[in-house]
PDB file of N, CA and C in Angstrom:
ATOM      1  N   UNK A   1      79.856 126.729  89.713  1.00  0.00           N
ATOM      2  CA  UNK A   1      79.213 127.700  90.578  1.00  0.00           C
ATOM      3  C   UNK A   1      80.006 127.802  91.870  1.00  0.00           C
ATOM      4  N   UNK A   2      80.330 128.992  92.288  1.00  0.00           N
ATOM      5  CA  UNK A   2      81.087 129.221  93.513  1.00  0.00           C
ATOM      6  C   UNK A   2      80.211 128.948  94.730  1.00  0.00           C
ATOM      7  N   UNK A   3      80.837 128.356  95.765  1.00  0.00           N
ATOM      8  CA  UNK A   3      80.097 128.118  96.997  1.00  0.00           C
ATOM      9  C   UNK A   3      79.954 129.424  97.751  1.00  0.00           C
ATOM     10  N   UNK A   4      78.778 129.616  98.375  1.00  0.00           N
ATOM     11  CA  UNK A   4      78.559 130.844  99.127  1.00  0.00           C
ATOM     12  C   UNK A   4      79.288 130.764 100.458  1.00  0.00           C
ATOM     13  N   UNK A   5      79.620 131.907 100.972  1.00  0.00           N
ATOM     14  CA  UNK A   5      80.314 131.978 102.254  1.00  0.00           C
ATOM     15  C   UNK A   5      79.386 131.493 103.364  1.00  0.00           C
ATOM     16  N   UNK A   6      79.942 130.766 104.310  1.00  0.00           N
ATOM     17  CA  UNK A   6      79.167 130.279 105.443  1.00  0.00           C
ATOM     18  C   UNK A   6      79.059 131.401 106.460  1.00  0.00           C
ATOM     19  N   UNK A   7      77.828 131.681 106.891  1.00  0.00           N
ATOM     20  CA  UNK A   7      77.604 132.804 107.798  1.00  0.00           C
ATOM     21  C   UNK A   7      77.296 132.372 109.230  1.00  0.00           C
ATOM     22  N   UNK A   8      77.127 131.094 109.459  1.00  0.00           N
ATOM     23  CA  UNK A   8      76.741 130.600 110.777  1.00  0.00           C
ATOM     24  C   UNK A   8      77.569 129.351 111.089  1.00  0.00           C
ATOM     25  N   UNK A   9      78.106 129.241 112.296  1.00  0.00           N
ATOM     26  CA  UNK A   9      78.892 128.052 112.632  1.00  0.00           C
ATOM     27  C   UNK A   9      78.114 126.738 112.464  1.00  0.00           C
ATOM     28  N   UNK A  10      76.823 126.739 112.767  1.00  0.00           N
ATOM     29  CA  UNK A  10      76.022 125.527 112.582  1.00  0.00           C
ATOM     30  C   UNK A  10      75.958 125.147 111.109  1.00  0.00           C
ATOM     31  N   UNK A  11      75.975 126.146 110.241  1.00  0.00           N
ATOM     32  CA  UNK A  11      75.960 125.881 108.806  1.00  0.00           C
ATOM     33  C   UNK A  11      77.250 125.171 108.381  1.00  0.00           C
ATOM     34  N   UNK A  12      78.355 125.508 109.031  1.00  0.00           N
ATOM     35  CA  UNK A  12      79.617 124.828 108.756  1.00  0.00           C
ATOM     36  C   UNK A  12      79.474 123.344 109.069  1.00  0.00           C
ATOM     37  N   UNK A  13      78.912 123.028 110.220  1.00  0.00           N
ATOM     38  CA  UNK A  13      78.717 121.631 110.606  1.00  0.00           C
ATOM     39  C   UNK A  13      77.807 120.913 109.616  1.00  0.00           C
ATOM     40  N   UNK A  14      76.724 121.556 109.232  1.00  0.00           N
ATOM     41  CA  UNK A  14      75.810 120.937 108.272  1.00  0.00           C
ATOM     42  C   UNK A  14      76.471 120.723 106.911  1.00  0.00           C
ATOM     43  N   UNK A  15      77.306 121.656 106.500  1.00  0.00           N
ATOM     44  CA  UNK A  15      78.014 121.526 105.236  1.00  0.00           C
ATOM     45  C   UNK A  15      78.940 120.313 105.268  1.00  0.00           C
ATOM     46  N   UNK A  16      79.620 120.116 106.379  1.00  0.00           N
ATOM     47  CA  UNK A  16      80.529 118.981 106.528  1.00  0.00           C
ATOM     48  C   UNK A  16      79.758 117.669 106.530  1.00  0.00           C
ATOM     49  N   UNK A  17      78.582 117.645 107.138  1.00  0.00           N
ATOM     50  CA  UNK A  17      77.818 116.410 107.310  1.00  0.00           C
ATOM     51  C   UNK A  17      76.757 116.188 106.240  1.00  0.00           C
ATOM     52  N   UNK A  18      76.731 117.009 105.180  1.00  0.00           N
ATOM     53  CA  UNK A  18      75.617 116.977 104.244  1.00  0.00           C
ATOM     54  C   UNK A  18      75.537 115.750 103.346  1.00  0.00           C
ATOM     55  N   UNK A  19      76.598 115.048 103.096  1.00  0.00           N
ATOM     56  CA  UNK A  19      76.533 113.880 102.214  1.00  0.00           C
ATOM     57  C   UNK A  19      75.610 112.815 102.770  1.00  0.00           C
ATOM     58  N   UNK A  20      74.879 112.155 101.895  1.00  0.00           N
ATOM     59  CA  UNK A  20      73.903 111.145 102.329  1.00  0.00           C
ATOM     60  C   UNK A  20      74.544 110.061 103.194  1.00  0.00           C
ATOM     61  N   UNK A  21      75.768 109.683 102.874  1.00  0.00           N
ATOM     62  CA  UNK A  21      76.429 108.576 103.560  1.00  0.00           C
ATOM     63  C   UNK A  21      77.415 109.029 104.632  1.00  0.00           C
ATOM     64  N   UNK A  22      77.633 110.327 104.757  1.00  0.00           N
ATOM     65  CA  UNK A  22      78.667 110.843 105.650  1.00  0.00           C
ATOM     66  C   UNK A  22      78.484 110.380 107.092  1.00  0.00           C
ATOM     67  N   UNK A  23      77.306 110.541 107.643  1.00  0.00           N
ATOM     68  CA  UNK A  23      77.073 110.140 109.035  1.00  0.00           C
ATOM     69  C   UNK A  23      77.285 108.646 109.227  1.00  0.00           C
ATOM     70  N   UNK A  24      76.847 107.855 108.253  1.00  0.00           N
ATOM     71  CA  UNK A  24      77.003 106.407 108.371  1.00  0.00           C
ATOM     72  C   UNK A  24      78.460 105.989 108.262  1.00  0.00           C
ATOM     73  N   UNK A  25      79.225 106.668 107.417  1.00  0.00           N
ATOM     74  CA  UNK A  25      80.662 106.390 107.305  1.00  0.00           C
ATOM     75  C   UNK A  25      81.349 106.734 108.626  1.00  0.00           C
ATOM     76  N   UNK A  26      81.047 107.922 109.142  1.00  0.00           N
ATOM     77  CA  UNK A  26      81.653 108.326 110.413  1.00  0.00           C
ATOM     78  C   UNK A  26      81.273 107.364 111.528  1.00  0.00           C
ATOM     79  N   UNK A  27      80.019 106.967 111.578  1.00  0.00           N
ATOM     80  CA  UNK A  27      79.569 106.024 112.608  1.00  0.00           C
ATOM     81  C   UNK A  27      80.359 104.724 112.531  1.00  0.00           C
ATOM     82  N   UNK A  28      80.562 104.223 111.315  1.00  0.00           N
ATOM     83  CA  UNK A  28      81.338 102.994 111.142  1.00  0.00           C
ATOM     84  C   UNK A  28      82.781 103.184 111.599  1.00  0.00           C
ATOM     85  N   UNK A  29      83.349 104.346 111.329  1.00  0.00           N
ATOM     86  CA  UNK A  29      84.741 104.592 111.705  1.00  0.00           C
ATOM     87  C   UNK A  29      84.902 104.912 113.190  1.00  0.00           C
ATOM     88  N   UNK A  30      83.813 105.279 113.887  1.00  0.00           N
ATOM     89  CA  UNK A  30      83.885 105.449 115.342  1.00  0.00           C
ATOM     90  C   UNK A  30      84.243 104.115 115.991  1.00  0.00           C
ATOM     91  N   UNK A  31      83.909 103.009 115.314  1.00  0.00           N
ATOM     92  CA  UNK A  31      84.209 101.672 115.835  1.00  0.00           C
ATOM     93  C   UNK A  31      85.666 101.289 115.634  1.00  0.00           C
ATOM     94  N   UNK A  32      86.369 101.994 114.741  1.00  0.00           N
ATOM     95  CA  UNK A  32      87.780 101.692 114.504  1.00  0.00           C
ATOM     96  C   UNK A  32      88.128 101.752 113.026  1.00  0.00           C
ATOM     97  N   UNK A  33      89.385 101.488 112.728  1.00  0.00           N
ATOM     98  CA  UNK A  33      89.903 101.526 111.368  1.00  0.00           C
ATOM     99  C   UNK A  33      89.221 100.476 110.509  1.00  0.00           C
ATOM    100  N   UNK A  34      88.895 100.860 109.270  1.00  0.00           N
ATOM    101  CA  UNK A  34      88.205  99.952 108.338  1.00  0.00           C
ATOM    102  C   UNK A  34      88.866 100.021 106.970  1.00  0.00           C
ATOM    103  N   UNK A  35      88.832  98.897 106.274  1.00  0.00           N
ATOM    104  CA  UNK A  35      89.237  98.872 104.875  1.00  0.00           C
ATOM    105  C   UNK A  35      88.022  99.228 104.030  1.00  0.00           C
ATOM    106  N   UNK A  36      88.275  99.597 102.775  1.00  0.00           N
ATOM    107  CA  UNK A  36      87.190 100.013 101.883  1.00  0.00           C
ATOM    108  C   UNK A  36      86.101  98.942 101.815  1.00  0.00           C
ATOM    109  N   UNK A  37      86.502  97.689 101.630  1.00  0.00           N
ATOM    110  CA  UNK A  37      85.513  96.613 101.491  1.00  0.00           C
ATOM    111  C   UNK A  37      84.675  96.444 102.753  1.00  0.00           C
ATOM    112  N   UNK A  38      85.266  96.646 103.924  1.00  0.00           N
ATOM    113  CA  UNK A  38      84.511  96.565 105.176  1.00  0.00           C
ATOM    114  C   UNK A  38      83.465  97.678 105.242  1.00  0.00           C
ATOM    115  N   UNK A  39      83.881  98.872 104.875  1.00  0.00           N
ATOM    116  CA  UNK A  39      82.933  99.992 104.864  1.00  0.00           C
ATOM    117  C   UNK A  39      81.816  99.732 103.864  1.00  0.00           C
ATOM    118  N   UNK A  40      82.168  99.275 102.679  1.00  0.00           N
ATOM    119  CA  UNK A  40      81.165  99.035 101.639  1.00  0.00           C
ATOM    120  C   UNK A  40      80.140  98.005 102.097  1.00  0.00           C
ATOM    121  N   UNK A  41      80.605  96.933 102.721  1.00  0.00           N
ATOM    122  CA  UNK A  41      79.679  95.902 103.212  1.00  0.00           C
ATOM    123  C   UNK A  41      78.775  96.433 104.322  1.00  0.00           C
ATOM    124  N   UNK A  42      79.297  97.316 105.167  1.00  0.00           N
ATOM    125  CA  UNK A  42      78.505  97.806 106.301  1.00  0.00           C
ATOM    126  C   UNK A  42      77.494  98.876 105.896  1.00  0.00           C
ATOM    127  N   UNK A  43      77.632  99.429 104.692  1.00  0.00           N
ATOM    128  CA  UNK A  43      76.736 100.488 104.223  1.00  0.00           C
ATOM    129  C   UNK A  43      75.890  99.969 103.070  1.00  0.00           C
ATOM    130  N   UNK A  44      74.893  99.197 103.386  1.00  0.00           N
ATOM    131  CA  UNK A  44      74.040  98.588 102.367  1.00  0.00           C
ATOM    132  C   UNK A  44      73.426  99.658 101.470  1.00  0.00           C
ATOM    133  N   UNK A  45      73.650  99.522 100.175  1.00  0.00           N
ATOM    134  CA  UNK A  45      73.027 100.421  99.215  1.00  0.00           C
ATOM    135  C   UNK A  45      73.946 101.472  98.625  1.00  0.00           C
ATOM    136  N   UNK A  46      75.130 101.674  99.195  1.00  0.00           N
ATOM    137  CA  UNK A  46      76.043 102.674  98.652  1.00  0.00           C
ATOM    138  C   UNK A  46      76.849 102.053  97.506  1.00  0.00           C
ATOM    139  N   UNK A  47      77.010 102.808  96.428  1.00  0.00           N
ATOM    140  CA  UNK A  47      77.818 102.314  95.304  1.00  0.00           C
ATOM    141  C   UNK A  47      79.299 102.534  95.612  1.00  0.00           C
ATOM    142  N   UNK A  48      80.164 101.788  94.907  1.00  0.00           N
ATOM    143  CA  UNK A  48      81.609 101.961  95.074  1.00  0.00           C
ATOM    144  C   UNK A  48      82.003 103.412  94.765  1.00  0.00           C
ATOM    145  N   UNK A  49      81.432 103.946  93.694  1.00  0.00           N
ATOM    146  CA  UNK A  49      81.772 105.295  93.258  1.00  0.00           C
ATOM    147  C   UNK A  49      81.383 106.336  94.314  1.00  0.00           C
ATOM    148  N   UNK A  50      80.167 106.218  94.846  1.00  0.00           N
ATOM    149  CA  UNK A  50      79.697 107.166  95.851  1.00  0.00           C
ATOM    150  C   UNK A  50      80.527 107.066  97.121  1.00  0.00           C
ATOM    151  N   UNK A  51      80.819 105.852  97.553  1.00  0.00           N
ATOM    152  CA  UNK A  51      81.622 105.665  98.759  1.00  0.00           C
ATOM    153  C   UNK A  51      83.016 106.268  98.568  1.00  0.00           C
ATOM    154  N   UNK A  52      83.603 106.019  97.417  1.00  0.00           N
ATOM    155  CA  UNK A  52      84.921 106.587  97.119  1.00  0.00           C
ATOM    156  C   UNK A  52      84.873 108.111  97.180  1.00  0.00           C
ATOM    157  N   UNK A  53      83.842 108.691  96.583  1.00  0.00           N
ATOM    158  CA  UNK A  53      83.683 110.150  96.571  1.00  0.00           C
ATOM    159  C   UNK A  53      83.524 110.705  97.984  1.00  0.00           C
ATOM    160  N   UNK A  54      82.667 110.082  98.782  1.00  0.00           N
ATOM    161  CA  UNK A  54      82.428 110.553 100.142  1.00  0.00           C
ATOM    162  C   UNK A  54      83.684 110.416 100.997  1.00  0.00           C
ATOM    163  N   UNK A  55      84.418 109.300 100.842  1.00  0.00           N
ATOM    164  CA  UNK A  55      85.653 109.114 101.596  1.00  0.00           C
ATOM    165  C   UNK A  55      86.686 110.165 101.207  1.00  0.00           C
ATOM    166  N   UNK A  56      86.762 110.472  99.925  1.00  0.00           N
ATOM    167  CA  UNK A  56      87.699 111.493  99.461  1.00  0.00           C
ATOM    168  C   UNK A  56      87.349 112.857 100.057  1.00  0.00           C
ATOM    169  N   UNK A  57      86.062 113.196 100.072  1.00  0.00           N
ATOM    170  CA  UNK A  57      85.636 114.471 100.661  1.00  0.00           C
ATOM    171  C   UNK A  57      85.965 114.548 102.149  1.00  0.00           C
ATOM    172  N   UNK A  58      85.725 113.452 102.865  1.00  0.00           N
ATOM    173  CA  UNK A  58      86.022 113.426 104.301  1.00  0.00           C
ATOM    174  C   UNK A  58      87.522 113.535 104.557  1.00  0.00           C
ATOM    175  N   UNK A  59      88.327 112.899 103.709  1.00  0.00           N
ATOM    176  CA  UNK A  59      89.787 113.003 103.840  1.00  0.00           C
ATOM    177  C   UNK A  59      90.249 114.422 103.521  1.00  0.00           C
ATOM    178  N   UNK A  60      89.690 115.005 102.456  1.00  0.00           N
ATOM    179  CA  UNK A  60      90.063 116.375 102.071  1.00  0.00           C
ATOM    180  C   UNK A  60      89.699 117.385 103.154  1.00  0.00           C
ATOM    181  N   UNK A  61      88.616 117.114 103.897  1.00  0.00           N
ATOM    182  CA  UNK A  61      88.195 118.043 104.946  1.00  0.00           C
ATOM    183  C   UNK A  61      88.943 117.805 106.259  1.00  0.00           C
ATOM    184  N   UNK A  62      89.786 116.775 106.297  1.00  0.00           N
ATOM    185  CA  UNK A  62      90.592 116.524 107.491  1.00  0.00           C
ATOM    186  C   UNK A  62      89.906 115.694 108.555  1.00  0.00           C
ATOM    187  N   UNK A  63      88.781 115.044 108.200  1.00  0.00           N
ATOM    188  CA  UNK A  63      88.046 114.254 109.191  1.00  0.00           C
ATOM    189  C   UNK A  63      88.493 112.802 109.258  1.00  0.00           C
ATOM    190  N   UNK A  64      89.030 112.276 108.153  1.00  0.00           N
ATOM    191  CA  UNK A  64      89.505 110.899 108.157  1.00  0.00           C
ATOM    192  C   UNK A  64      90.900 110.831 107.547  1.00  0.00           C
ATOM    193  N   UNK A  65      91.610 109.781 107.952  1.00  0.00           N
ATOM    194  CA  UNK A  65      92.908 109.457 107.368  1.00  0.00           C
ATOM    195  C   UNK A  65      92.713 108.352 106.347  1.00  0.00           C
ATOM    196  N   UNK A  66      93.480 108.427 105.274  1.00  0.00           N
ATOM    197  CA  UNK A  66      93.498 107.373 104.255  1.00  0.00           C
ATOM    198  C   UNK A  66      94.929 106.879 104.183  1.00  0.00           C
ATOM    199  N   UNK A  67      95.145 105.633 104.613  1.00  0.00           N
ATOM    200  CA  UNK A  67      96.488 105.064 104.625  1.00  0.00           C
ATOM    201  C   UNK A  67      96.585 103.995 103.552  1.00  0.00           C
ATOM    202  N   UNK A  68      97.519 104.204 102.619  1.00  0.00           N
ATOM    203  CA  UNK A  68      97.727 103.269 101.512  1.00  0.00           C
ATOM    204  C   UNK A  68      98.997 102.480 101.797  1.00  0.00           C
ATOM    205  N   UNK A  69      98.893 101.147 101.743  1.00  0.00           N
ATOM    206  CA  UNK A  69     100.036 100.275 101.940  1.00  0.00           C
ATOM    207  C   UNK A  69     100.610  99.905 100.576  1.00  0.00           C
ATOM    208  N   UNK A  70     101.917  99.934 100.465  1.00  0.00           N
ATOM    209  CA  UNK A  70     102.597  99.604  99.211  1.00  0.00           C
ATOM    210  C   UNK A  70     102.723  98.087  99.095  1.00  0.00           C
ATOM    211  N   UNK A  71     101.677  97.471  98.596  1.00  0.00           N
ATOM    212  CA  UNK A  71     101.662  96.027  98.408  1.00  0.00           C
ATOM    213  C   UNK A  71     100.716  95.685  97.274  1.00  0.00           C
ATOM    214  N   UNK A  72     100.792  94.451  96.810  1.00  0.00           N
ATOM    215  CA  UNK A  72      99.899  93.969  95.765  1.00  0.00           C
ATOM    216  C   UNK A  72      99.160  92.767  96.336  1.00  0.00           C
ATOM    217  N   UNK A  73      97.827  92.758  96.309  1.00  0.00           N
ATOM    218  CA  UNK A  73      96.949  93.840  95.859  1.00  0.00           C
ATOM    219  C   UNK A  73      97.012  95.017  96.835  1.00  0.00           C
ATOM    220  N   UNK A  74      96.636  96.208  96.350  1.00  0.00           N
ATOM    221  CA  UNK A  74      96.708  97.388  97.210  1.00  0.00           C
ATOM    222  C   UNK A  74      95.819  97.249  98.443  1.00  0.00           C
ATOM    223  N   UNK A  75      96.297  97.785  99.524  1.00  0.00           N
ATOM    224  CA  UNK A  75      95.538  97.782 100.771  1.00  0.00           C
ATOM    225  C   UNK A  75      95.390  99.234 101.215  1.00  0.00           C
ATOM    226  N   UNK A  76      94.148  99.659 101.469  1.00  0.00           N
ATOM    227  CA  UNK A  76      93.872 101.019 101.918  1.00  0.00           C
ATOM    228  C   UNK A  76      93.012 100.925 103.171  1.00  0.00           C
ATOM    229  N   UNK A  77      93.406 101.674 104.192  1.00  0.00           N
ATOM    230  CA  UNK A  77      92.640 101.712 105.427  1.00  0.00           C
ATOM    231  C   UNK A  77      92.189 103.142 105.721  1.00  0.00           C
ATOM    232  N   UNK A  78      91.011 103.240 106.322  1.00  0.00           N
ATOM    233  CA  UNK A  78      90.437 104.531 106.677  1.00  0.00           C
ATOM    234  C   UNK A  78      90.238 104.567 108.187  1.00  0.00           C
ATOM    235  N   UNK A  79      90.564 105.708 108.773  1.00  0.00           N
ATOM    236  CA  UNK A  79      90.368 105.901 110.211  1.00  0.00           C
ATOM    237  C   UNK A  79      90.052 107.373 110.456  1.00  0.00           C
ATOM    238  N   UNK A  80      89.515 107.647 111.616  1.00  0.00           N
ATOM    239  CA  UNK A  80      89.196 109.026 111.981  1.00  0.00           C
ATOM    240  C   UNK A  80      90.445 109.771 112.424  1.00  0.00           C
ATOM    241  N   UNK A  81      90.504 111.027 112.094  1.00  0.00           N
ATOM    242  CA  UNK A  81      91.533 111.910 112.646  1.00  0.00           C
ATOM    243  C   UNK A  81      91.045 112.367 114.019  1.00  0.00           C
ATOM    244  N   UNK A  82      91.892 113.067 114.734  1.00  0.00           N
ATOM    245  CA  UNK A  82      91.446 113.608 116.026  1.00  0.00           C
ATOM    246  C   UNK A  82      90.294 114.587 115.813  1.00  0.00           C
ATOM    247  N   UNK A  83      90.331 115.344 114.713  1.00  0.00           N
ATOM    248  CA  UNK A  83      89.226 116.252 114.391  1.00  0.00           C
ATOM    249  C   UNK A  83      87.947 115.459 114.108  1.00  0.00           C
ATOM    250  N   UNK A  84      88.050 114.387 113.370  1.00  0.00           N
ATOM    251  CA  UNK A  84      86.890 113.546 113.071  1.00  0.00           C
ATOM    252  C   UNK A  84      86.265 112.957 114.327  1.00  0.00           C
ATOM    253  N   UNK A  85      87.112 112.571 115.280  1.00  0.00           N
ATOM    254  CA  UNK A  85      86.599 111.999 116.539  1.00  0.00           C
ATOM    255  C   UNK A  85      85.801 113.022 117.342  1.00  0.00           C
ATOM    256  N   UNK A  86      86.064 114.325 117.131  1.00  0.00           N
ATOM    257  CA  UNK A  86      85.314 115.340 117.880  1.00  0.00           C
ATOM    258  C   UNK A  86      83.855 115.405 117.436  1.00  0.00           C
ATOM    259  N   UNK A  87      83.513 114.779 116.314  1.00  0.00           N
ATOM    260  CA  UNK A  87      82.118 114.773 115.847  1.00  0.00           C
ATOM    261  C   UNK A  87      81.257 113.731 116.556  1.00  0.00           C
ATOM    262  N   UNK A  88      81.862 112.804 117.277  1.00  0.00           N
ATOM    263  CA  UNK A  88      81.080 111.746 117.929  1.00  0.00           C
ATOM    264  C   UNK A  88      80.002 112.301 118.856  1.00  0.00           C
ATOM    265  N   UNK A  89      80.304 113.226 119.773  1.00  0.00           N
ATOM    266  CA  UNK A  89      79.222 113.725 120.632  1.00  0.00           C
ATOM    267  C   UNK A  89      78.142 114.473 119.853  1.00  0.00           C
ATOM    268  N   UNK A  90      78.522 115.112 118.764  1.00  0.00           N
ATOM    269  CA  UNK A  90      77.546 115.821 117.930  1.00  0.00           C
ATOM    270  C   UNK A  90      76.593 114.817 117.303  1.00  0.00           C
ATOM    271  N   UNK A  91      77.145 113.765 116.719  1.00  0.00           N
ATOM    272  CA  UNK A  91      76.327 112.748 116.062  1.00  0.00           C
ATOM    273  C   UNK A  91      75.509 111.973 117.091  1.00  0.00           C
ATOM    274  N   UNK A  92      76.094 111.697 118.251  1.00  0.00           N
ATOM    275  CA  UNK A  92      75.337 111.037 119.327  1.00  0.00           C
ATOM    276  C   UNK A  92      74.155 111.891 119.760  1.00  0.00           C
ATOM    277  N   UNK A  93      74.358 113.209 119.860  1.00  0.00           N
ATOM    278  CA  UNK A  93      73.270 114.119 120.248  1.00  0.00           C
ATOM    279  C   UNK A  93      72.174 114.134 119.180  1.00  0.00           C
ATOM    280  N   UNK A  94      72.567 114.118 117.911  1.00  0.00           N
ATOM    281  CA  UNK A  94      71.576 114.075 116.829  1.00  0.00           C
ATOM    282  C   UNK A  94      70.769 112.779 116.901  1.00  0.00           C
ATOM    283  N   UNK A  95      71.451 111.679 117.175  1.00  0.00           N
ATOM    284  CA  UNK A  95      70.780 110.383 117.301  1.00  0.00           C
ATOM    285  C   UNK A  95      69.781 110.406 118.465  1.00  0.00           C
ATOM    286  N   UNK A  96      70.222 110.920 119.590  1.00  0.00           N
ATOM    287  CA  UNK A  96      69.352 110.997 120.770  1.00  0.00           C
ATOM    288  C   UNK A  96      68.125 111.874 120.498  1.00  0.00           C
ATOM    289  N   UNK A  97      68.341 113.016 119.826  1.00  0.00           N
ATOM    290  CA  UNK A  97      67.228 113.895 119.490  1.00  0.00           C
ATOM    291  C   UNK A  97      66.229 113.164 118.597  1.00  0.00           C
ATOM    292  N   UNK A  98      66.731 112.458 117.593  1.00  0.00           N
ATOM    293  CA  UNK A  98      65.848 111.741 116.667  1.00  0.00           C
ATOM    294  C   UNK A  98      65.097 110.617 117.372  1.00  0.00           C
ATOM    295  N   UNK A  99      65.754 109.938 118.299  1.00  0.00           N
ATOM    296  CA  UNK A  99      65.084 108.891 119.078  1.00  0.00           C
ATOM    297  C   UNK A  99      63.924 109.483 119.880  1.00  0.00           C
ATOM    298  N   UNK A 100      64.134 110.657 120.450  1.00  0.00           N
ATOM    299  CA  UNK A 100      63.136 111.294 121.307  1.00  0.00           C
ATOM    300  C   UNK A 100      62.056 112.020 120.516  1.00  0.00           C
ATOM    301  N   UNK A 101      62.446 112.740 119.460  1.00  0.00           N
ATOM    302  CA  UNK A 101      61.526 113.644 118.773  1.00  0.00           C
ATOM    303  C   UNK A 101      61.271 113.321 117.304  1.00  0.00           C
ATOM    304  N   UNK A 102      62.042 112.429 116.750  1.00  0.00           N
ATOM    305  CA  UNK A 102      61.971 112.170 115.314  1.00  0.00           C
ATOM    306  C   UNK A 102      60.596 111.783 114.812  1.00  0.00           C
ATOM    307  N   UNK A 103      59.851 111.058 115.600  1.00  0.00           N
ATOM    308  CA  UNK A 103      58.521 110.629 115.155  1.00  0.00           C
ATOM    309  C   UNK A 103      57.540 111.792 115.022  1.00  0.00           C
ATOM    310  N   UNK A 104      57.866 112.922 115.645  1.00  0.00           N
ATOM    311  CA  UNK A 104      56.984 114.097 115.592  1.00  0.00           C
ATOM    312  C   UNK A 104      57.224 114.960 114.360  1.00  0.00           C
ATOM    313  N   UNK A 105      58.330 114.722 113.682  1.00  0.00           N
ATOM    314  CA  UNK A 105      58.709 115.539 112.536  1.00  0.00           C
ATOM    315  C   UNK A 105      58.057 114.975 111.277  1.00  0.00           C
ATOM    316  N   UNK A 106      57.450 115.847 110.505  1.00  0.00           N
ATOM    317  CA  UNK A 106      56.847 115.440 109.237  1.00  0.00           C
ATOM    318  C   UNK A 106      57.889 115.607 108.153  1.00  0.00           C
ATOM    319  N   UNK A 107      58.276 114.506 107.536  1.00  0.00           N
ATOM    320  CA  UNK A 107      59.320 114.521 106.498  1.00  0.00           C
ATOM    321  C   UNK A 107      58.665 114.206 105.166  1.00  0.00           C
ATOM    322  N   UNK A 108      58.851 115.108 104.248  1.00  0.00           N
ATOM    323  CA  UNK A 108      58.327 114.900 102.882  1.00  0.00           C
ATOM    324  C   UNK A 108      59.426 114.192 102.092  1.00  0.00           C
ATOM    325  N   UNK A 109      59.133 113.038 101.582  1.00  0.00           N
ATOM    326  CA  UNK A 109      60.096 112.240 100.803  1.00  0.00           C
ATOM    327  C   UNK A 109      59.800 112.377  99.333  1.00  0.00           C
ATOM    328  N   UNK A 110      60.907 112.434  98.542  1.00  0.00           N
ATOM    329  CA  UNK A 110      60.793 112.407  97.080  1.00  0.00           C
ATOM    330  C   UNK A 110      60.219 113.629  96.552  1.00  0.00           C
TER     331      UNK A 110
END
């Protein structure tokens, strides 16, 4: 199925941040460069497959760098690009809003 054209700039941001683990991955990388195992340990509940998929999507969108070292065993590090770092104030604002107003929102789960 073809993706529909984005008609609103805010929709672009939501599309980029829509993955369940995306915000948590970005938050972890705001602290600095991480290896896959470090990210996996810091994100309780994410499967290896899902984390790999989300990291690939973030790299494809230009938000994170994936650096592979030519060694055995393989070493891969993830870090934010300059574009990825521009999301920090956006995510901080979302966090602040949720701290202030989140309890007032009725969320239907499941």
